[in-house]
Amino acid sequence: MYDDIPAAPRDAELDPHWSELQQSPSGVPLAYLPPTMGGPQSRWRRVSAVVLLVMLVTVTAGGVCLTYGPAELFELLQ
């Protein structure tokens, strides 16, 4: 599958952004998962994050598969 890719010449220039796409200190590439936002956050942002987290944990603990969306929940209620 990779046989069609030509080898890079020895004098090829390195992309200056290549080091930015390498892995972060956490081991996850920065292109996949950007770093967290540091510093104090507003109250509504913290509250909405906690509400979302509690909702997801509660639904998962209730046995509803979140992959298929609310249609599965409506089928369980019937």
PDB file of N, CA and C in Angstrom:
ATOM      1  N   MET A   1       0.820  -1.182   0.000  1.00  0.00           N
ATOM      2  CA  MET A   1       0.000   0.000   0.000  1.00  0.00           C
ATOM      3  C   MET A   1       0.870   1.254   0.000  1.00  0.00           C
ATOM      4  N   TYR A   2       1.985   1.205   0.696  1.00  0.00           N
ATOM      5  CA  TYR A   2       2.870   2.366   0.762  1.00  0.00           C
ATOM      6  C   TYR A   2       3.998   2.285  -0.266  1.00  0.00           C
ATOM      7  N   ASP A   3       3.955   1.312  -1.143  1.00  0.00           N
ATOM      8  CA  ASP A   3       5.016   1.158  -2.138  1.00  0.00           C
ATOM      9  C   ASP A   3       5.014   2.290  -3.152  1.00  0.00           C
ATOM     10  N   ASP A   4       3.862   2.943  -3.345  1.00  0.00           N
ATOM     11  CA  ASP A   4       3.752   4.008  -4.338  1.00  0.00           C
ATOM     12  C   ASP A   4       4.327   5.336  -3.848  1.00  0.00           C
ATOM     13  N   ILE A   5       4.627   5.448  -2.578  1.00  0.00           N
ATOM     14  CA  ILE A   5       5.123   6.703  -2.017  1.00  0.00           C
ATOM     15  C   ILE A   5       6.626   6.795  -2.258  1.00  0.00           C
ATOM     16  N   PRO A   6       7.054   7.849  -2.952  1.00  0.00           N
ATOM     17  CA  PRO A   6       8.492   7.954  -3.214  1.00  0.00           C
ATOM     18  C   PRO A   6       9.254   8.356  -1.951  1.00  0.00           C
ATOM     19  N   ALA A   7      10.494   7.971  -1.904  1.00  0.00           N
ATOM     20  CA  ALA A   7      11.340   8.336  -0.766  1.00  0.00           C
ATOM     21  C   ALA A   7      11.685   9.825  -0.857  1.00  0.00           C
ATOM     22  N   ALA A   8      11.827  10.459   0.276  1.00  0.00           N
ATOM     23  CA  ALA A   8      12.175  11.884   0.309  1.00  0.00           C
ATOM     24  C   ALA A   8      13.659  12.047   0.010  1.00  0.00           C
ATOM     25  N   PRO A   9      14.009  13.063  -0.768  1.00  0.00           N
ATOM     26  CA  PRO A   9      15.434  13.292  -1.025  1.00  0.00           C
ATOM     27  C   PRO A   9      16.143  13.758   0.253  1.00  0.00           C
ATOM     28  N   ARG A  10      17.427  13.525   0.322  1.00  0.00           N
ATOM     29  CA  ARG A  10      18.197  13.872   1.522  1.00  0.00           C
ATOM     30  C   ARG A  10      18.231  15.372   1.782  1.00  0.00           C
ATOM     31  N   ASP A  11      18.121  16.190   0.751  1.00  0.00           N
ATOM     32  CA  ASP A  11      18.181  17.636   0.947  1.00  0.00           C
ATOM     33  C   ASP A  11      16.787  18.267   1.076  1.00  0.00           C
ATOM     34  N   ALA A  12      15.783  17.469   1.363  1.00  0.00           N
ATOM     35  CA  ALA A  12      14.421  17.994   1.502  1.00  0.00           C
ATOM     36  C   ALA A  12      14.321  18.873   2.743  1.00  0.00           C
ATOM     37  N   GLU A  13      13.511  19.935   2.639  1.00  0.00           N
ATOM     38  CA  GLU A  13      13.311  20.838   3.782  1.00  0.00           C
ATOM     39  C   GLU A  13      12.256  20.272   4.712  1.00  0.00           C
ATOM     40  N   LEU A  14      12.495  20.417   5.982  1.00  0.00           N
ATOM     41  CA  LEU A  14      11.542  19.969   6.984  1.00  0.00           C
ATOM     42  C   LEU A  14      10.444  21.012   7.130  1.00  0.00           C
ATOM     43  N   ASP A  15       9.204  20.551   7.192  1.00  0.00           N
ATOM     44  CA  ASP A  15       8.073  21.457   7.390  1.00  0.00           C
ATOM     45  C   ASP A  15       8.234  22.131   8.752  1.00  0.00           C
ATOM     46  N   PRO A  16       8.168  23.475   8.816  1.00  0.00           N
ATOM     47  CA  PRO A  16       8.375  24.145  10.105  1.00  0.00           C
ATOM     48  C   PRO A  16       7.284  23.828  11.128  1.00  0.00           C
ATOM     49  N   HIS A  17       6.142  23.385  10.680  1.00  0.00           N
ATOM     50  CA  HIS A  17       5.045  23.068  11.607  1.00  0.00           C
ATOM     51  C   HIS A  17       5.053  21.604  12.043  1.00  0.00           C
ATOM     52  N   TRP A  18       5.999  20.824  11.552  1.00  0.00           N
ATOM     53  CA  TRP A  18       6.031  19.411  11.896  1.00  0.00           C
ATOM     54  C   TRP A  18       6.203  19.203  13.400  1.00  0.00           C
ATOM     55  N   SER A  19       7.049  20.011  14.021  1.00  0.00           N
ATOM     56  CA  SER A  19       7.262  19.839  15.463  1.00  0.00           C
ATOM     57  C   SER A  19       6.012  20.193  16.255  1.00  0.00           C
ATOM     58  N   GLU A  20       5.158  21.080  15.717  1.00  0.00           N
ATOM     59  CA  GLU A  20       3.904  21.410  16.406  1.00  0.00           C
ATOM     60  C   GLU A  20       2.916  20.259  16.342  1.00  0.00           C
ATOM     61  N   LEU A  21       3.009  19.427  15.306  1.00  0.00           N
ATOM     62  CA  LEU A  21       2.103  18.295  15.166  1.00  0.00           C
ATOM     63  C   LEU A  21       2.579  17.077  15.937  1.00  0.00           C
ATOM     64  N   GLN A  22       3.778  17.146  16.466  1.00  0.00           N
ATOM     65  CA  GLN A  22       4.283  16.039  17.262  1.00  0.00           C
ATOM     66  C   GLN A  22       3.487  15.965  18.565  1.00  0.00           C
ATOM     67  N   GLN A  23       3.818  15.021  19.385  1.00  0.00           N
ATOM     68  CA  GLN A  23       3.037  14.802  20.590  1.00  0.00           C
ATOM     69  C   GLN A  23       3.327  15.849  21.656  1.00  0.00           C
ATOM     70  N   SER A  24       2.296  16.144  22.414  1.00  0.00           N
ATOM     71  CA  SER A  24       2.419  17.065  23.534  1.00  0.00           C
ATOM     72  C   SER A  24       3.002  16.311  24.731  1.00  0.00           C
ATOM     73  N   PRO A  25       3.300  16.987  25.823  1.00  0.00           N
ATOM     74  CA  PRO A  25       3.826  16.292  27.009  1.00  0.00           C
ATOM     75  C   PRO A  25       2.874  15.231  27.557  1.00  0.00           C
ATOM     76  N   SER A  26       1.559  15.374  27.282  1.00  0.00           N
ATOM     77  CA  SER A  26       0.609  14.381  27.785  1.00  0.00           C
ATOM     78  C   SER A  26       0.603  13.122  26.932  1.00  0.00           C
ATOM     79  N   GLY A  27       1.276  13.140  25.773  1.00  0.00           N
ATOM     80  CA  GLY A  27       1.335  11.961  24.923  1.00  0.00           C
ATOM     81  C   GLY A  27       0.310  11.965  23.808  1.00  0.00           C
ATOM     82  N   VAL A  28      -0.587  12.932  23.783  1.00  0.00           N
ATOM     83  CA  VAL A  28      -1.610  13.020  22.760  1.00  0.00           C
ATOM     84  C   VAL A  28      -1.204  14.103  21.762  1.00  0.00           C
ATOM     85  N   PRO A  29      -1.286  13.834  20.452  1.00  0.00           N
ATOM     86  CA  PRO A  29      -0.912  14.872  19.485  1.00  0.00           C
ATOM     87  C   PRO A  29      -1.772  16.125  19.639  1.00  0.00           C
ATOM     88  N   LEU A  30      -1.161  17.278  19.515  1.00  0.00           N
ATOM     89  CA  LEU A  30      -1.888  18.538  19.691  1.00  0.00           C
ATOM     90  C   LEU A  30      -2.960  18.735  18.634  1.00  0.00           C
ATOM     91  N   ALA A  31      -2.785  18.144  17.453  1.00  0.00           N
ATOM     92  CA  ALA A  31      -3.799  18.261  16.418  1.00  0.00           C
ATOM     93  C   ALA A  31      -5.050  17.488  16.815  1.00  0.00           C
ATOM     94  N   TYR A  32      -4.919  16.474  17.675  1.00  0.00           N
ATOM     95  CA  TYR A  32      -6.062  15.666  18.099  1.00  0.00           C
ATOM     96  C   TYR A  32      -6.741  16.273  19.319  1.00  0.00           C
ATOM     97  N   LEU A  33      -5.976  16.672  20.284  1.00  0.00           N
ATOM     98  CA  LEU A  33      -6.537  17.180  21.528  1.00  0.00           C
ATOM     99  C   LEU A  33      -5.737  18.404  21.962  1.00  0.00           C
ATOM    100  N   PRO A  34      -6.287  19.606  21.767  1.00  0.00           N
ATOM    101  CA  PRO A  34      -5.544  20.802  22.149  1.00  0.00           C
ATOM    102  C   PRO A  34      -5.385  20.890  23.663  1.00  0.00           C
ATOM    103  N   PRO A  35      -4.446  21.680  24.137  1.00  0.00           N
ATOM    104  CA  PRO A  35      -4.253  21.801  25.586  1.00  0.00           C
ATOM    105  C   PRO A  35      -5.462  22.442  26.261  1.00  0.00           C
ATOM    106  N   THR A  36      -5.611  22.178  27.533  1.00  0.00           N
ATOM    107  CA  THR A  36      -6.740  22.719  28.279  1.00  0.00           C
ATOM    108  C   THR A  36      -6.591  24.217  28.467  1.00  0.00           C
ATOM    109  N   MET A  37      -7.703  24.862  28.764  1.00  0.00           N
ATOM    110  CA  MET A  37      -7.696  26.303  28.998  1.00  0.00           C
ATOM    111  C   MET A  37      -7.331  26.549  30.446  1.00  0.00           C
ATOM    112  N   GLY A  38      -6.264  27.250  30.663  1.00  0.00           N
ATOM    113  CA  GLY A  38      -5.839  27.535  32.019  1.00  0.00           C
ATOM    114  C   GLY A  38      -6.505  28.781  32.564  1.00  0.00           C
ATOM    115  N   GLY A  39      -6.408  28.958  33.848  1.00  0.00           N
ATOM    116  CA  GLY A  39      -6.940  30.160  34.472  1.00  0.00           C
ATOM    117  C   GLY A  39      -8.365  29.993  34.955  1.00  0.00           C
ATOM    118  N   PRO A  40      -8.857  31.001  35.648  1.00  0.00           N
ATOM    119  CA  PRO A  40     -10.216  30.925  36.184  1.00  0.00           C
ATOM    120  C   PRO A  40     -11.262  30.997  35.067  1.00  0.00           C
ATOM    121  N   GLN A  41     -12.315  30.236  35.240  1.00  0.00           N
ATOM    122  CA  GLN A  41     -13.408  30.215  34.270  1.00  0.00           C
ATOM    123  C   GLN A  41     -14.639  30.875  34.894  1.00  0.00           C
ATOM    124  N   SER A  42     -15.527  31.337  34.038  1.00  0.00           N
ATOM    125  CA  SER A  42     -16.734  31.986  34.552  1.00  0.00           C
ATOM    126  C   SER A  42     -17.650  30.949  35.203  1.00  0.00           C
ATOM    127  N   ARG A  43     -18.538  31.445  36.048  1.00  0.00           N
ATOM    128  CA  ARG A  43     -19.422  30.551  36.803  1.00  0.00           C
ATOM    129  C   ARG A  43     -20.340  29.753  35.887  1.00  0.00           C
ATOM    130  N   TRP A  44     -20.924  30.396  34.869  1.00  0.00           N
ATOM    131  CA  TRP A  44     -21.847  29.681  33.991  1.00  0.00           C
ATOM    132  C   TRP A  44     -21.140  28.579  33.222  1.00  0.00           C
ATOM    133  N   ARG A  45     -19.867  28.763  32.902  1.00  0.00           N
ATOM    134  CA  ARG A  45     -19.124  27.731  32.180  1.00  0.00           C
ATOM    135  C   ARG A  45     -18.852  26.530  33.067  1.00  0.00           C
ATOM    136  N   ARG A  46     -18.495  26.782  34.322  1.00  0.00           N
ATOM    137  CA  ARG A  46     -18.274  25.671  35.265  1.00  0.00           C
ATOM    138  C   ARG A  46     -19.559  24.927  35.539  1.00  0.00           C
ATOM    139  N   VAL A  47     -20.665  25.668  35.745  1.00  0.00           N
ATOM    140  CA  VAL A  47     -21.951  25.029  36.044  1.00  0.00           C
ATOM    141  C   VAL A  47     -22.419  24.194  34.856  1.00  0.00           C
ATOM    142  N   SER A  48     -22.303  24.725  33.647  1.00  0.00           N
ATOM    143  CA  SER A  48     -22.752  23.969  32.477  1.00  0.00           C
ATOM    144  C   SER A  48     -21.897  22.720  32.269  1.00  0.00           C
ATOM    145  N   ALA A  49     -20.602  22.785  32.572  1.00  0.00           N
ATOM    146  CA  ALA A  49     -19.748  21.599  32.441  1.00  0.00           C
ATOM    147  C   ALA A  49     -20.145  20.538  33.457  1.00  0.00           C
ATOM    148  N   VAL A  50     -20.438  20.934  34.687  1.00  0.00           N
ATOM    149  CA  VAL A  50     -20.844  19.976  35.714  1.00  0.00           C
ATOM    150  C   VAL A  50     -22.199  19.366  35.367  1.00  0.00           C
ATOM    151  N   VAL A  51     -23.137  20.182  34.890  1.00  0.00           N
ATOM    152  CA  VAL A  51     -24.460  19.667  34.507  1.00  0.00           C
ATOM    153  C   VAL A  51     -24.324  18.655  33.373  1.00  0.00           C
ATOM    154  N   LEU A  52     -23.528  18.956  32.376  1.00  0.00           N
ATOM    155  CA  LEU A  52     -23.329  18.039  31.259  1.00  0.00           C
ATOM    156  C   LEU A  52     -22.687  16.738  31.730  1.00  0.00           C
ATOM    157  N   LEU A  53     -21.699  16.833  32.595  1.00  0.00           N
ATOM    158  CA  LEU A  53     -21.029  15.648  33.107  1.00  0.00           C
ATOM    159  C   LEU A  53     -21.978  14.780  33.921  1.00  0.00           C
ATOM    160  N   VAL A  54     -22.755  15.390  34.805  1.00  0.00           N
ATOM    161  CA  VAL A  54     -23.711  14.637  35.621  1.00  0.00           C
ATOM    162  C   VAL A  54     -24.764  13.982  34.726  1.00  0.00           C
ATOM    163  N   MET A  55     -25.222  14.696  33.703  1.00  0.00           N
ATOM    164  CA  MET A  55     -26.215  14.145  32.792  1.00  0.00           C
ATOM    165  C   MET A  55     -25.665  12.913  32.064  1.00  0.00           C
ATOM    166  N   LEU A  56     -24.449  12.996  31.549  1.00  0.00           N
ATOM    167  CA  LEU A  56     -23.870  11.864  30.836  1.00  0.00           C
ATOM    168  C   LEU A  56     -23.653  10.654  31.747  1.00  0.00           C
ATOM    169  N   VAL A  57     -23.180  10.900  32.952  1.00  0.00           N
ATOM    170  CA  VAL A  57     -22.957   9.797  33.891  1.00  0.00           C
ATOM    171  C   VAL A  57     -24.283   9.169  34.300  1.00  0.00           C
ATOM    172  N   THR A  58     -25.312   9.976  34.530  1.00  0.00           N
ATOM    173  CA  THR A  58     -26.614   9.462  34.928  1.00  0.00           C
ATOM    174  C   THR A  58     -27.241   8.618  33.813  1.00  0.00           C
ATOM    175  N   VAL A  59     -27.184   9.100  32.602  1.00  0.00           N
ATOM    176  CA  VAL A  59     -27.758   8.356  31.482  1.00  0.00           C
ATOM    177  C   VAL A  59     -27.009   7.052  31.271  1.00  0.00           C
ATOM    178  N   THR A  60     -25.690   7.088  31.378  1.00  0.00           N
ATOM    179  CA  THR A  60     -24.896   5.869  31.214  1.00  0.00           C
ATOM    180  C   THR A  60     -25.184   4.887  32.345  1.00  0.00           C
ATOM    181  N   ALA A  61     -25.312   5.377  33.566  1.00  0.00           N
ATOM    182  CA  ALA A  61     -25.621   4.504  34.694  1.00  0.00           C
ATOM    183  C   ALA A  61     -27.016   3.914  34.565  1.00  0.00           C
ATOM    184  N   GLY A  62     -27.906   4.617  33.888  1.00  0.00           N
ATOM    185  CA  GLY A  62     -29.260   4.105  33.665  1.00  0.00           C
ATOM    186  C   GLY A  62     -29.331   3.040  32.594  1.00  0.00           C
ATOM    187  N   GLY A  63     -28.245   2.788  31.905  1.00  0.00           N
ATOM    188  CA  GLY A  63     -28.202   1.735  30.912  1.00  0.00           C
ATOM    189  C   GLY A  63     -28.604   2.157  29.519  1.00  0.00           C
ATOM    190  N   VAL A  64     -28.683   3.442  29.263  1.00  0.00           N
ATOM    191  CA  VAL A  64     -29.047   3.926  27.936  1.00  0.00           C
ATOM    192  C   VAL A  64     -27.761   4.100  27.128  1.00  0.00           C
ATOM    193  N   CYS A  65     -27.731   3.510  25.948  1.00  0.00           N
ATOM    194  CA  CYS A  65     -26.566   3.629  25.084  1.00  0.00           C
ATOM    195  C   CYS A  65     -26.607   4.985  24.394  1.00  0.00           C
ATOM    196  N   LEU A  66     -25.619   5.808  24.624  1.00  0.00           N
ATOM    197  CA  LEU A  66     -25.605   7.151  24.056  1.00  0.00           C
ATOM    198  C   LEU A  66     -25.185   7.169  22.587  1.00  0.00           C
ATOM    199  N   THR A  67     -24.741   6.034  22.069  1.00  0.00           N
ATOM    200  CA  THR A  67     -24.294   5.986  20.684  1.00  0.00           C
ATOM    201  C   THR A  67     -25.452   6.179  19.718  1.00  0.00           C
ATOM    202  N   TYR A  68     -26.612   5.624  20.038  1.00  0.00           N
ATOM    203  CA  TYR A  68     -27.741   5.645  19.118  1.00  0.00           C
ATOM    204  C   TYR A  68     -28.682   6.814  19.354  1.00  0.00           C
ATOM    205  N   GLY A  69     -28.406   7.641  20.304  1.00  0.00           N
ATOM    206  CA  GLY A  69     -29.189   8.847  20.507  1.00  0.00           C
ATOM    207  C   GLY A  69     -30.463   8.620  21.291  1.00  0.00           C
ATOM    208  N   PRO A  70     -31.344   9.635  21.306  1.00  0.00           N
ATOM    209  CA  PRO A  70     -32.545   9.561  22.125  1.00  0.00           C
ATOM    210  C   PRO A  70     -33.581   8.565  21.612  1.00  0.00           C
ATOM    211  N   ALA A  71     -33.472   8.068  20.392  1.00  0.00           N
ATOM    212  CA  ALA A  71     -34.447   7.107  19.873  1.00  0.00           C
ATOM    213  C   ALA A  71     -34.493   5.853  20.738  1.00  0.00           C
ATOM    214  N   GLU A  72     -33.344   5.412  21.215  1.00  0.00           N
ATOM    215  CA  GLU A  72     -33.315   4.231  22.072  1.00  0.00           C
ATOM    216  C   GLU A  72     -34.007   4.512  23.398  1.00  0.00           C
ATOM    217  N   LEU A  73     -33.853   5.719  23.924  1.00  0.00           N
ATOM    218  CA  LEU A  73     -34.515   6.076  25.166  1.00  0.00           C
ATOM    219  C   LEU A  73     -36.028   6.061  24.991  1.00  0.00           C
ATOM    220  N   PHE A  74     -36.514   6.575  23.875  1.00  0.00           N
ATOM    221  CA  PHE A  74     -37.961   6.579  23.628  1.00  0.00           C
ATOM    222  C   PHE A  74     -38.513   5.169  23.488  1.00  0.00           C
ATOM    223  N   GLU A  75     -37.731   4.245  22.915  1.00  0.00           N
ATOM    224  CA  GLU A  75     -38.146   2.855  22.804  1.00  0.00           C
ATOM    225  C   GLU A  75     -38.221   2.208  24.182  1.00  0.00           C
ATOM    226  N   LEU A  76     -37.320   2.572  25.083  1.00  0.00           N
ATOM    227  CA  LEU A  76     -37.356   2.003  26.435  1.00  0.00           C
ATOM    228  C   LEU A  76     -38.571   2.494  27.221  1.00  0.00           C
ATOM    229  N   LEU A  77     -39.023   3.696  26.943  1.00  0.00           N
ATOM    230  CA  LEU A  77     -40.152   4.264  27.677  1.00  0.00           C
ATOM    231  C   LEU A  77     -41.481   3.700  27.208  1.00  0.00           C
ATOM    232  N   GLN A  78     -41.547   3.117  26.047  1.00  0.00           N
ATOM    233  CA  GLN A  78     -42.827   2.584  25.523  1.00  0.00           C
ATOM    234  C   GLN A  78     -43.147   1.240  26.098  1.00  0.00           C
TER     235      GLN A  78
END
